Amino acid sequence: MSKTDKQGSVSRKRYSAEYKAEALALAERIGVSAAARELGLHDSQLYAWRTKA
């Protein structure tokens, strides 16, 4: 779910580089799908972070 401000714009969640690194390390240990479920992310988000890393 996205949050909207008073003007109707959608705000996006931003993740720190440290959080992304920890999420990718978790994905290496338990798999991307399991890590995404545990963290409340979509699989494709972890794949995108992995591609950019």
N, C-alpha and C. Protein backbone atom coordinates (compact mmCIF):
# COMPACT_ATOMS: atom_id res chain seq x y z
N MET A 1 0.83 -1.18 0.00
CA MET A 1 0.00 0.00 0.00
C MET A 1 0.87 1.24 0.00
N SER A 2 0.49 2.21 -0.73
CA SER A 2 1.20 3.48 -0.78
C SER A 2 0.49 4.50 0.09
N LYS A 3 1.28 5.38 0.63
CA LYS A 3 0.70 6.46 1.42
C LYS A 3 0.58 7.69 0.54
N THR A 4 -0.49 8.45 0.76
CA THR A 4 -0.65 9.69 0.01
C THR A 4 -0.60 10.86 0.97
N ASP A 5 -0.07 11.97 0.49
CA ASP A 5 -0.05 13.17 1.32
C ASP A 5 -1.30 14.00 1.02
N LYS A 6 -1.37 15.18 1.60
CA LYS A 6 -2.57 16.02 1.46
C LYS A 6 -2.85 16.43 0.02
N GLN A 7 -1.81 16.48 -0.81
CA GLN A 7 -1.99 16.89 -2.19
C GLN A 7 -2.26 15.71 -3.12
N GLY A 8 -2.31 14.51 -2.57
CA GLY A 8 -2.60 13.34 -3.37
C GLY A 8 -1.39 12.67 -3.98
N SER A 9 -0.17 13.15 -3.69
CA SER A 9 1.03 12.51 -4.21
C SER A 9 1.30 11.24 -3.43
N VAL A 10 1.87 10.28 -4.09
CA VAL A 10 2.21 9.02 -3.44
C VAL A 10 3.64 9.12 -2.94
N SER A 11 3.83 8.81 -1.64
CA SER A 11 5.19 8.80 -1.10
C SER A 11 5.73 7.38 -1.19
N ARG A 12 7.02 7.27 -1.46
CA ARG A 12 7.63 5.96 -1.60
C ARG A 12 8.56 5.70 -0.44
N LYS A 13 8.62 4.45 -0.04
CA LYS A 13 9.51 4.03 1.04
C LYS A 13 10.93 4.03 0.52
N ARG A 14 11.84 4.59 1.30
CA ARG A 14 13.26 4.58 0.92
C ARG A 14 14.02 3.70 1.90
N TYR A 15 14.90 2.90 1.39
CA TYR A 15 15.67 1.97 2.21
C TYR A 15 17.14 2.38 2.17
N SER A 16 17.80 2.30 3.32
CA SER A 16 19.21 2.65 3.40
C SER A 16 20.05 1.57 2.72
N ALA A 17 21.27 1.93 2.37
CA ALA A 17 22.19 0.97 1.75
C ALA A 17 22.46 -0.18 2.72
N GLU A 18 22.51 0.12 4.00
CA GLU A 18 22.75 -0.92 5.01
C GLU A 18 21.59 -1.92 5.05
N TYR A 19 20.37 -1.41 5.00
CA TYR A 19 19.19 -2.28 5.00
C TYR A 19 19.19 -3.18 3.77
N LYS A 20 19.50 -2.60 2.62
CA LYS A 20 19.54 -3.37 1.38
C LYS A 20 20.58 -4.48 1.46
N ALA A 21 21.76 -4.16 2.00
CA ALA A 21 22.83 -5.15 2.12
C ALA A 21 22.40 -6.29 3.05
N GLU A 22 21.75 -5.94 4.16
CA GLU A 22 21.28 -6.97 5.09
C GLU A 22 20.18 -7.82 4.45
N ALA A 23 19.30 -7.19 3.69
CA ALA A 23 18.23 -7.92 3.02
C ALA A 23 18.81 -8.88 1.98
N LEU A 24 19.82 -8.44 1.25
CA LEU A 24 20.45 -9.30 0.25
C LEU A 24 21.21 -10.45 0.90
N ALA A 25 21.83 -10.19 2.04
CA ALA A 25 22.52 -11.26 2.77
C ALA A 25 21.51 -12.30 3.25
N LEU A 26 20.37 -11.85 3.73
CA LEU A 26 19.31 -12.77 4.16
C LEU A 26 18.82 -13.58 2.97
N ALA A 27 18.66 -12.93 1.82
CA ALA A 27 18.21 -13.63 0.62
C ALA A 27 19.21 -14.70 0.19
N GLU A 28 20.49 -14.43 0.38
CA GLU A 28 21.51 -15.44 0.05
C GLU A 28 21.38 -16.66 0.96
N ARG A 29 21.05 -16.42 2.23
CA ARG A 29 20.95 -17.52 3.20
C ARG A 29 19.68 -18.34 3.04
N ILE A 30 18.54 -17.67 2.89
CA ILE A 30 17.26 -18.41 2.92
C ILE A 30 16.50 -18.38 1.60
N GLY A 31 17.02 -17.66 0.62
CA GLY A 31 16.35 -17.57 -0.67
C GLY A 31 15.59 -16.26 -0.81
N VAL A 32 15.46 -15.81 -2.04
CA VAL A 32 14.84 -14.52 -2.32
C VAL A 32 13.37 -14.50 -1.91
N SER A 33 12.62 -15.50 -2.27
CA SER A 33 11.19 -15.51 -1.95
C SER A 33 10.94 -15.50 -0.45
N ALA A 34 11.67 -16.33 0.28
CA ALA A 34 11.50 -16.40 1.73
C ALA A 34 11.92 -15.09 2.39
N ALA A 35 13.01 -14.51 1.93
CA ALA A 35 13.48 -13.24 2.49
C ALA A 35 12.48 -12.13 2.22
N ALA A 36 11.95 -12.09 1.01
CA ALA A 36 10.97 -11.07 0.66
C ALA A 36 9.73 -11.18 1.54
N ARG A 37 9.25 -12.39 1.74
CA ARG A 37 8.09 -12.61 2.61
C ARG A 37 8.39 -12.13 4.03
N GLU A 38 9.55 -12.50 4.54
CA GLU A 38 9.92 -12.15 5.91
C GLU A 38 10.05 -10.64 6.10
N LEU A 39 10.54 -9.96 5.06
CA LEU A 39 10.77 -8.52 5.15
C LEU A 39 9.59 -7.68 4.68
N GLY A 40 8.58 -8.33 4.11
CA GLY A 40 7.42 -7.60 3.62
C GLY A 40 7.70 -6.87 2.32
N LEU A 41 8.58 -7.43 1.52
CA LEU A 41 8.94 -6.84 0.23
C LEU A 41 8.45 -7.74 -0.90
N HIS A 42 8.48 -7.22 -2.10
CA HIS A 42 8.18 -8.03 -3.28
C HIS A 42 9.49 -8.64 -3.76
N ASP A 43 9.42 -9.86 -4.28
CA ASP A 43 10.61 -10.55 -4.79
C ASP A 43 11.40 -9.67 -5.75
N SER A 44 10.68 -8.99 -6.63
CA SER A 44 11.35 -8.19 -7.67
C SER A 44 12.19 -7.07 -7.07
N GLN A 45 11.81 -6.58 -5.88
CA GLN A 45 12.60 -5.53 -5.24
C GLN A 45 13.98 -6.07 -4.86
N LEU A 46 14.02 -7.27 -4.31
CA LEU A 46 15.31 -7.87 -3.94
C LEU A 46 16.14 -8.17 -5.19
N TYR A 47 15.49 -8.65 -6.24
CA TYR A 47 16.23 -8.91 -7.48
C TYR A 47 16.81 -7.62 -8.05
N ALA A 48 16.07 -6.53 -7.98
CA ALA A 48 16.56 -5.24 -8.48
C ALA A 48 17.75 -4.76 -7.66
N TRP A 49 17.66 -4.89 -6.34
CA TRP A 49 18.78 -4.48 -5.48
C TRP A 49 20.00 -5.33 -5.77
N ARG A 50 19.78 -6.64 -6.01
CA ARG A 50 20.91 -7.53 -6.28
C ARG A 50 21.58 -7.16 -7.61
N THR A 51 20.79 -6.78 -8.60
CA THR A 51 21.33 -6.38 -9.89
C THR A 51 22.18 -5.12 -9.76
N LYS A 52 21.73 -4.17 -8.94
CA LYS A 52 22.45 -2.90 -8.77
C LYS A 52 23.66 -3.02 -7.85
N ALA A 53 23.71 -4.07 -7.04
CA ALA A 53 24.82 -4.23 -6.08
C ALA A 53 26.11 -4.64 -6.75
